[in-house]
Protein backbone atom coordinates (compact mmCIF):
# COMPACT_ATOMS: atom_id res chain seq x y z
CA MET A 1 103.19 60.42 112.99
CA GLU A 2 103.46 63.83 111.30
CA MET A 3 100.68 65.25 113.48
CA LEU A 4 102.36 63.97 116.65
CA LEU A 5 105.67 65.48 115.56
CA LEU A 6 104.18 68.87 114.69
CA PHE A 7 101.87 69.33 117.67
CA GLY A 8 104.02 67.41 120.14
CA SER A 9 107.12 69.50 119.51
CA MET A 10 105.12 72.73 119.73
CA ILE A 11 103.60 71.72 123.08
CA LEU A 12 107.01 70.60 124.36
CA PHE A 13 108.58 73.96 123.48
CA ALA A 14 105.70 75.82 125.13
CA VAL A 15 106.00 73.73 128.31
CA LEU A 16 109.73 74.52 128.41
CA GLY A 17 108.83 78.22 128.55
CA ILE A 18 109.88 79.12 125.02
CA PRO A 19 107.83 82.10 123.70
CA LEU A 20 104.81 81.05 121.66
CA VAL A 21 106.06 82.47 118.36
CA PHE A 22 109.32 80.52 118.58
CA SER A 23 107.49 77.39 119.75
CA ILE A 24 105.33 77.48 116.61
CA LEU A 25 108.27 78.28 114.33
CA GLY A 26 110.48 75.64 115.94
CA ALA A 27 107.84 72.94 115.60
CA SER A 28 107.24 73.93 111.97
CA VAL A 29 110.94 73.88 111.05
CA ILE A 30 111.54 70.52 112.77
CA THR A 31 108.56 68.99 110.96
CA LEU A 32 109.75 70.35 107.61
CA LEU A 33 113.25 68.96 108.15
CA MET A 34 111.96 65.54 109.21
CA VAL A 35 109.02 65.09 106.84
CA ARG A 36 109.85 67.33 103.87
CA PRO A 37 113.68 67.49 103.78
CA GLU A 38 113.60 68.50 100.12
CA MET A 39 111.82 71.77 100.99
CA PRO A 40 114.19 74.79 101.04
CA LEU A 41 114.34 76.55 104.42
CA VAL A 42 113.81 79.88 102.68
CA LEU A 43 110.17 78.77 102.64
CA VAL A 44 110.06 79.51 106.38
CA THR A 45 110.83 83.20 105.93
CA GLN A 46 108.61 83.47 102.85
CA MET A 47 105.58 81.99 104.61
CA PHE A 48 106.26 84.06 107.73
CA MET A 49 106.33 87.31 105.73
CA ASN A 50 103.40 86.33 103.51
CA GLY A 51 101.31 85.67 106.59
CA MET A 52 101.86 89.21 107.86
CA ASP A 53 101.73 90.91 104.44
CA GLN A 54 97.94 91.14 104.10
CA PHE A 55 96.17 94.47 103.69
CA LEU A 56 93.21 93.42 105.84
CA LEU A 57 95.51 92.83 108.83
CA LEU A 58 96.28 96.55 108.83
CA ALA A 59 92.78 96.98 110.24
CA ILE A 60 94.04 95.38 113.47
CA ALA A 61 96.54 98.21 114.00
CA PHE A 62 93.85 100.83 113.39
CA PHE A 63 91.30 99.22 115.72
CA PHE A 64 93.98 98.86 118.40
CA LEU A 65 94.87 102.54 118.05
CA ALA A 66 91.23 103.68 118.01
CA GLY A 67 90.58 101.82 121.27
CA GLU A 68 93.68 103.28 122.92
CA LEU A 69 92.79 106.82 121.81
CA MET A 70 89.23 106.43 123.07
CA ASN A 71 90.43 105.17 126.43
CA ARG A 72 92.92 108.01 126.90
CA GLY A 73 90.38 110.54 125.68
CA GLY A 74 88.11 109.99 128.70
CA ILE A 75 85.64 107.71 126.96
CA THR A 76 85.81 104.85 129.50
CA ARG A 77 84.63 106.99 132.41
CA ARG A 78 81.71 108.36 130.39
CA ILE A 79 80.65 104.87 129.30
CA VAL A 80 80.69 103.70 132.92
CA ASP A 81 78.66 106.76 134.01
CA PHE A 82 76.02 106.04 131.36
CA ALA A 83 75.84 102.33 132.26
CA SER A 84 75.51 103.29 135.94
CA ALA A 85 72.62 105.61 135.15
CA LEU A 86 70.86 102.80 133.27
CA VAL A 87 71.30 99.78 135.57
CA GLY A 88 72.96 101.04 138.76
CA HIS A 89 69.66 100.80 140.66
CA PHE A 90 69.43 97.03 140.07
CA LYS A 91 70.34 94.62 142.86
CA GLY A 92 74.12 94.28 142.72
CA GLY A 93 74.10 97.47 140.68
CA LEU A 94 77.84 97.98 140.23
CA ALA A 95 78.31 94.41 139.00
CA GLN A 96 75.54 94.99 136.44
CA VAL A 97 77.20 98.28 135.48
CA ASN A 98 80.43 96.34 134.95
CA VAL A 99 78.78 93.97 132.46
CA LEU A 100 76.94 96.73 130.59
CA SER A 101 80.10 98.86 130.43
CA SER A 102 81.94 95.92 128.86
CA LEU A 103 79.17 95.57 126.27
CA PHE A 104 79.48 99.25 125.40
CA PHE A 105 83.28 99.25 125.40
CA SER A 106 83.45 96.14 123.21
CA GLY A 107 82.18 98.24 120.33
CA ILE A 108 85.34 100.33 120.63
CA SER A 109 88.28 98.11 121.58
CA GLY A 110 87.70 94.72 119.89
CA SER A 111 90.00 93.16 122.50
CA ALA A 112 89.23 91.32 125.75
CA VAL A 113 92.54 92.38 127.30
CA ALA A 114 91.92 96.06 126.48
CA ASP A 115 88.38 95.74 127.87
CA THR A 116 89.66 94.25 131.14
CA ALA A 117 92.34 96.91 131.54
CA ALA A 118 90.07 99.86 130.73
CA ILE A 119 86.88 98.83 132.53
CA GLY A 120 88.75 97.12 135.36
CA SER A 121 90.80 100.20 136.20
CA VAL A 122 87.55 102.15 136.72
CA MET A 123 85.10 99.54 138.02
CA ILE A 124 87.20 97.36 140.34
CA PRO A 125 88.24 100.21 142.68
CA SER A 126 84.64 101.52 142.67
CA MET A 127 83.24 98.08 143.53
CA LYS A 128 85.78 97.61 146.33
CA ARG A 129 84.81 100.98 147.83
CA LYS A 130 81.15 99.90 147.81
CA GLY A 131 81.92 96.74 149.77
CA TYR A 132 82.27 94.14 147.00
CA SER A 133 85.13 91.72 147.53
CA ALA A 134 88.20 92.30 145.38
CA ALA A 135 87.96 88.74 144.02
CA PHE A 136 84.31 89.17 142.97
CA ALA A 137 85.01 92.53 141.31
CA ALA A 138 87.92 91.03 139.37
CA ALA A 139 85.88 87.93 138.44
CA ILE A 140 82.96 89.78 136.88
CA THR A 141 85.37 92.16 135.13
CA GLN A 142 87.37 89.40 133.46
CA CYS A 143 84.33 87.29 132.50
CA SER A 144 82.38 90.23 131.06
CA SER A 145 85.44 91.21 129.00
CA VAL A 146 84.98 88.03 126.95
CA VAL A 147 82.28 89.86 125.01
CA GLY A 148 84.89 92.34 123.70
CA PRO A 149 86.09 90.16 120.79
CA ILE A 150 82.53 89.08 119.87
CA ILE A 151 80.75 92.41 119.33
CA PRO A 152 82.23 94.33 116.37
CA PRO A 153 84.81 95.56 115.73
CA SER A 154 86.73 92.46 116.76
CA ILE A 155 90.39 91.63 116.20
CA PRO A 156 89.98 87.81 116.47
CA ILE A 157 87.05 87.93 114.04
CA ILE A 158 89.21 89.81 111.52
CA ILE A 159 91.84 87.06 111.87
CA TYR A 160 89.16 84.40 111.31
CA ALA A 161 87.79 86.27 108.28
CA VAL A 162 91.28 86.33 106.74
CA LEU A 163 91.82 82.61 107.39
CA SER A 164 88.39 81.48 106.21
CA GLU A 165 88.04 84.00 103.36
CA GLN A 166 84.73 85.22 104.78
CA SER A 167 83.36 88.74 104.52
CA VAL A 168 84.48 90.89 107.46
CA GLY A 169 81.15 92.71 107.35
CA ALA A 170 79.19 89.45 107.56
CA MET A 171 81.35 88.22 110.44
CA PHE A 172 80.91 91.53 112.29
CA LEU A 173 77.13 91.29 111.87
CA ALA A 174 77.20 87.70 113.10
CA GLY A 175 78.78 88.79 116.39
CA ILE A 176 76.08 91.28 117.43
CA VAL A 177 73.36 88.90 118.68
CA PRO A 178 75.82 86.46 120.34
CA GLY A 179 77.49 89.40 122.12
CA LEU A 180 74.16 90.61 123.49
CA LEU A 181 73.28 87.04 124.49
CA ILE A 182 76.55 86.62 126.40
CA GLY A 183 76.01 89.93 128.19
CA SER A 184 72.44 88.92 129.10
CA CYS A 185 73.56 85.57 130.53
CA LEU A 186 76.16 87.32 132.69
CA MET A 187 73.62 89.87 133.92
CA VAL A 188 71.26 87.06 134.92
CA ALA A 189 74.11 85.39 136.82
CA VAL A 190 74.89 88.68 138.58
CA ALA A 191 71.21 89.10 139.54
CA ILE A 192 71.08 85.61 141.08
CA ILE A 193 74.31 86.11 143.04
CA ALA A 194 73.22 89.60 144.14
CA ARG A 195 70.01 88.25 145.67
CA ARG A 196 71.81 85.42 147.44
CA ARG A 197 74.49 87.72 148.88
CA ASP A 198 72.13 90.66 149.42
CA PHE A 199 74.23 93.15 147.47
CA GLU A 200 73.14 96.77 147.70
CA SER A 201 71.86 98.90 144.84
CA SER A 202 72.24 102.58 144.03
CA PRO A 203 69.38 105.10 143.87
CA ARG A 204 67.49 105.16 140.57
CA MET A 205 68.68 107.91 138.24
CA GLY A 206 66.17 110.30 136.73
CA VAL A 207 65.58 110.89 133.04
CA ARG A 208 67.66 114.06 133.17
CA GLU A 209 70.73 112.21 134.51
CA ILE A 210 70.33 109.40 131.98
CA THR A 211 70.07 111.97 129.18
CA ARG A 212 73.12 113.86 130.45
CA THR A 213 75.37 110.80 130.72
CA GLY A 214 73.97 109.35 127.50
CA SER A 215 74.78 112.50 125.54
CA GLN A 216 78.40 112.16 126.66
CA ALA A 217 78.63 108.41 125.99
CA ILE A 218 76.89 108.52 122.60
CA VAL A 219 80.02 110.04 121.07
CA ALA A 220 81.86 106.80 121.87
CA LEU A 221 78.93 104.51 121.07
CA LEU A 222 78.77 105.92 117.55
CA THR A 223 82.14 104.30 116.78
CA PRO A 224 80.84 100.78 115.96
CA ILE A 225 77.97 102.32 113.98
CA ILE A 226 80.45 104.28 111.85
CA ILE A 227 82.59 101.17 111.33
CA LEU A 228 79.74 98.78 110.51
CA GLY A 229 77.83 101.34 108.47
CA GLY A 230 80.88 102.14 106.38
CA ILE A 231 81.72 98.49 105.71
CA LEU A 232 78.19 97.24 105.04
CA GLY A 233 77.30 100.32 103.03
CA GLY A 234 80.17 99.59 100.67
CA VAL A 235 81.74 102.97 101.43
CA MET A 236 84.85 101.60 103.18
CA THR A 237 86.85 98.43 103.55
CA ALA A 238 87.50 97.13 107.07
CA THR A 239 90.97 98.69 106.99
CA GLU A 240 89.65 102.06 105.85
CA ALA A 241 86.92 101.88 108.50
CA GLY A 242 89.63 101.33 111.12
CA ALA A 243 91.50 104.41 109.88
CA VAL A 244 88.32 106.49 110.05
CA ALA A 245 87.69 105.18 113.59
CA CYS A 246 91.20 106.36 114.58
CA LEU A 247 90.56 109.83 113.18
CA TYR A 248 87.18 109.98 114.91
CA ALA A 249 88.70 108.85 118.23
CA PHE A 250 91.48 111.44 117.96
CA VAL A 251 89.13 114.31 117.15
CA THR A 252 86.65 113.47 119.94
CA GLY A 253 89.38 112.89 122.54
CA ALA A 254 91.53 115.91 121.67
CA PHE A 255 88.96 118.52 120.62
CA TYR A 256 85.52 117.46 121.90
CA PHE A 257 86.36 116.13 125.38
CA ARG A 258 89.78 117.84 125.41
CA GLU A 259 91.35 115.08 127.52
CA LEU A 260 93.74 113.58 124.95
CA ASP A 261 97.08 115.38 125.17
CA LEU A 262 100.37 114.77 123.34
CA ARG A 263 101.59 112.39 126.05
CA GLY A 264 98.39 110.36 125.84
CA PHE A 265 98.61 110.30 122.04
CA TYR A 266 102.21 109.05 122.20
CA ASP A 267 101.31 106.36 124.76
CA ALA A 268 98.40 105.25 122.57
CA LEU A 269 100.72 104.90 119.56
CA VAL A 270 103.22 102.85 121.58
CA GLN A 271 100.57 100.53 123.03
CA ALA A 272 98.91 100.04 119.63
CA ALA A 273 102.28 99.31 117.97
CA GLN A 274 103.24 96.77 120.63
CA GLY A 275 99.86 95.03 120.53
CA THR A 276 99.81 94.92 116.73
CA ALA A 277 103.38 93.61 116.50
CA MET A 278 102.59 90.79 118.92
CA ILE A 279 99.57 89.73 116.87
CA LEU A 280 101.33 89.97 113.50
CA VAL A 281 104.31 87.81 114.49
CA ILE A 282 101.92 85.18 115.86
CA VAL A 283 99.94 85.29 112.60
CA GLY A 284 103.17 85.05 110.57
CA ALA A 285 104.44 82.04 112.50
CA SER A 286 101.04 80.36 112.53
CA THR A 287 100.67 80.82 108.75
CA LEU A 288 103.67 78.55 108.22
CA PHE A 289 102.19 76.11 110.73
CA ALA A 290 98.83 76.16 108.91
CA TRP A 291 100.55 75.62 105.54
CA ILE A 292 102.25 72.50 106.91
CA VAL A 293 98.89 71.28 108.24
CA ALA A 294 97.42 71.66 104.74
CA ASP A 295 100.46 70.17 102.96
CA LEU A 296 100.45 67.07 105.16
CA ARG A 297 96.66 66.74 104.81
CA LEU A 298 96.25 66.72 108.57
CA SER A 299 92.78 68.25 108.20
CA GLN A 300 91.62 65.13 106.39
CA ALA A 301 93.15 62.95 109.09
CA VAL A 302 91.31 64.88 111.79
CA GLY A 303 88.10 64.68 109.76
CA GLN A 304 88.39 60.92 109.42
CA ALA A 305 88.92 60.57 113.17
CA ILE A 306 85.87 62.73 113.94
CA PHE A 307 83.66 61.10 111.31
CA ALA A 308 84.57 57.72 112.78
CA VAL A 309 82.75 58.88 115.91
CA SER A 310 79.82 60.57 114.15
CA ASP A 311 78.99 62.54 111.01
CA ASN A 312 76.26 64.50 112.80
CA PRO A 313 76.92 68.28 112.61
CA ILE A 314 75.83 68.83 116.23
CA VAL A 315 78.14 66.08 117.49
CA PHE A 316 80.93 67.60 115.40
CA LEU A 317 80.36 71.04 116.94
CA LEU A 318 80.31 69.55 120.44
CA LEU A 319 83.63 67.82 119.76
CA VAL A 320 85.03 71.06 118.33
CA ASN A 321 83.84 72.90 121.45
CA LEU A 322 85.60 70.42 123.69
CA PHE A 323 88.78 70.48 121.60
CA ALA A 324 88.86 74.29 121.31
CA LEU A 325 88.22 74.75 125.03
CA VAL A 326 91.14 72.47 125.88
CA VAL A 327 93.42 74.20 123.36
CA GLY A 328 92.29 77.58 124.69
CA LEU A 329 93.57 76.61 128.14
CA PHE A 330 97.14 76.49 126.87
CA LEU A 331 97.40 78.58 123.69
CA ASP A 332 96.96 82.25 122.91
CA PRO A 333 93.54 82.60 121.20
CA LEU A 334 94.94 84.20 118.04
CA ALA A 335 97.57 81.50 117.59
CA ALA A 336 94.94 78.85 118.29
CA LEU A 337 92.70 80.37 115.62
CA VAL A 338 95.41 80.31 112.96
CA ILE A 339 96.20 76.69 113.83
CA LEU A 340 92.68 75.28 114.34
CA VAL A 341 90.76 76.98 111.53
CA PRO A 342 92.66 75.27 108.65
CA LEU A 343 92.45 72.02 110.61
CA LEU A 344 88.71 72.03 111.36
CA LEU A 345 86.90 74.43 109.00
CA PRO A 346 87.06 72.16 105.88
CA ASN A 347 85.36 69.39 107.87
CA ALA A 348 82.71 71.80 109.17
CA ILE A 349 81.90 72.96 105.63
CA GLU A 350 81.72 69.33 104.47
CA LEU A 351 79.05 68.72 107.12
CA GLY A 352 77.03 71.73 105.95
CA ILE A 353 77.91 73.98 108.91
CA SER A 354 77.95 77.68 108.06
CA PRO A 355 81.50 79.11 108.18
CA VAL A 356 80.04 82.21 109.84
CA HIS A 357 78.40 80.16 112.60
CA PHE A 358 81.53 78.04 113.02
CA GLY A 359 83.69 81.16 113.31
CA ILE A 360 81.67 82.79 116.09
CA VAL A 361 81.52 79.53 118.07
CA MET A 362 85.28 79.02 117.63
CA VAL A 363 86.19 82.58 118.67
CA PHE A 364 83.90 82.46 121.72
CA ASN A 365 85.38 79.10 122.75
CA LEU A 366 88.90 80.46 122.68
CA MET A 367 87.91 83.64 124.51
CA ILE A 368 86.59 81.53 127.40
CA GLY A 369 90.11 80.09 127.60
CA LEU A 370 91.35 83.58 128.51
CA THR A 371 89.39 83.38 131.77
CA THR A 372 90.79 80.03 132.91
CA PRO A 373 94.25 78.86 134.04
CA PRO A 374 97.00 78.16 133.17
CA VAL A 375 97.27 80.77 130.35
CA GLY A 376 94.21 82.88 131.36
CA TYR A 377 95.62 86.36 130.80
CA LEU A 378 92.42 87.98 132.04
CA ILE A 379 92.63 86.25 135.43
CA TYR A 380 96.09 87.60 136.12
CA LEU A 381 95.35 91.07 134.73
CA SER A 382 92.12 91.51 136.70
CA ALA A 383 93.73 90.03 139.84
CA HIS A 384 96.61 92.50 139.48
CA ILE A 385 94.23 95.45 139.17
CA ALA A 386 92.22 94.23 142.19
CA GLY A 387 95.29 93.40 144.29
CA GLU A 388 93.97 89.86 144.83
CA ARG A 389 95.34 86.35 144.39
CA PRO A 390 94.43 84.72 141.02
CA GLU A 391 93.15 81.58 142.80
CA LYS A 392 90.47 83.59 144.60
CA VAL A 393 89.48 85.33 141.38
CA MET A 394 89.13 81.93 139.70
CA ARG A 395 86.83 80.65 142.47
CA GLU A 396 84.60 83.71 142.20
CA SER A 397 84.54 83.29 138.40
CA LEU A 398 82.90 79.85 138.49
CA PRO A 399 79.25 81.07 138.45
CA PHE A 400 80.05 83.40 135.57
CA LEU A 401 81.78 80.59 133.67
CA VAL A 402 78.52 78.62 134.01
CA ALA A 403 76.75 81.58 132.37
CA LEU A 404 79.36 81.69 129.58
CA PHE A 405 78.97 77.96 128.93
CA ALA A 406 75.18 78.37 128.83
CA ALA A 407 75.60 81.05 126.16
CA LEU A 408 78.04 78.80 124.28
CA GLY A 409 75.49 75.97 124.33
CA LEU A 410 72.78 78.22 122.89
CA LEU A 411 75.09 79.48 120.15
CA THR A 412 76.12 75.92 119.29
CA PHE A 413 72.61 74.47 119.08
CA VAL A 414 70.86 77.51 117.56
CA PRO A 415 72.87 78.60 114.47
CA LEU A 416 70.20 81.19 113.64
CA LEU A 417 71.54 83.36 116.49
CA THR A 418 74.71 83.94 114.48
CA THR A 419 73.49 83.67 110.89
CA PHE A 420 70.25 85.67 111.11
CA LEU A 421 71.70 89.17 110.62
CA PRO A 422 74.26 88.22 107.92
CA ASP A 423 71.57 86.31 105.99
CA LEU A 424 69.13 89.21 106.35
CA TYR A 425 71.74 91.67 105.06
CA ALA A 426 72.64 89.36 102.16
CA ALA A 427 68.95 88.96 101.23
CA LYS A 428 68.42 92.74 101.20
CA GLY A 429 71.51 93.19 99.05
CA GLN A 430 70.16 90.93 96.31
């Protein structure tokens, strides 16, 4: 009854068009009034503020700002040039460049939306000029952007680390191999489609051109190395690493490339502030929601329902995949994380599933939801950049969604893909 009241009222508010933050808060307050009338309502504001008042969450603001500064400092174009020099001569070269550029840019932005906006604004017009359909260009852009929140630094992974009390460094390490796997699956899908549709390729670049573009792009590609090296080396916390990344992005954009001016710096601050504020209010509202889930022991109820079907870890992960994919169709990924992790993680740990493995699978699941209707921000953003209808973009995305699901299956059934690097680092640290 309590679960139906909590989740049912939240879904009802969302269907009525009420903003997500207020849908979560409204459902939480109604449930408190109906189920725990003795609880003072001041608890709502306390939990909301406590959810946002965490030092680690400051890293989100810094990573947002670092990505914005890099983008306005001319980094995106240089990353695309380097990717083009490496794989532009493949069949369907520009589509392959799109995927590789997203892999590179994911080490800077940590956000799928930022990846789509930055890479899409450069790649989609270029692909259209070379004869690719607008829908196809938008489709590969939005699907390849899913890798953004998997490869470190990643904003959703920071949120998961806070919720699950896992090491941010370990979670960042866990995302490297899955991110490369996702990119590889998408590049295979592009190669198959390119052969079937007889896409053209660009001339092969020489070593001199690869070296020239690489020397420009390496300045940006050092960012994730600085962040990971600082965190894993014990020199910096995740928040301090984010601040260093901001300083590095500002210096390279303003003084090395000399493309970041005062107007660009101001715009970067505004965009980072808006993006951070949106995430923090969702985290604050969802913290209250998660507290109610724990107080009403809804996690145990969900566990009993799942264990009634099977207590096999693989079956559990398959059910979680299905559940998270459905939730991801309707909820913002960050809100879904804050709601689902307290609900499902205790049961995963009880079954012996690594919290690190569970986190990467959960984040990837919810990122796939960004590429599918009805919420699918990436569909609408990429369609807007391409000047195409979202329905056409969705149709062209289907082969790439197959590739994403193939990667999800591998990550689900082979935990070593996510746990290998964190375990190796932990073993060396002992």
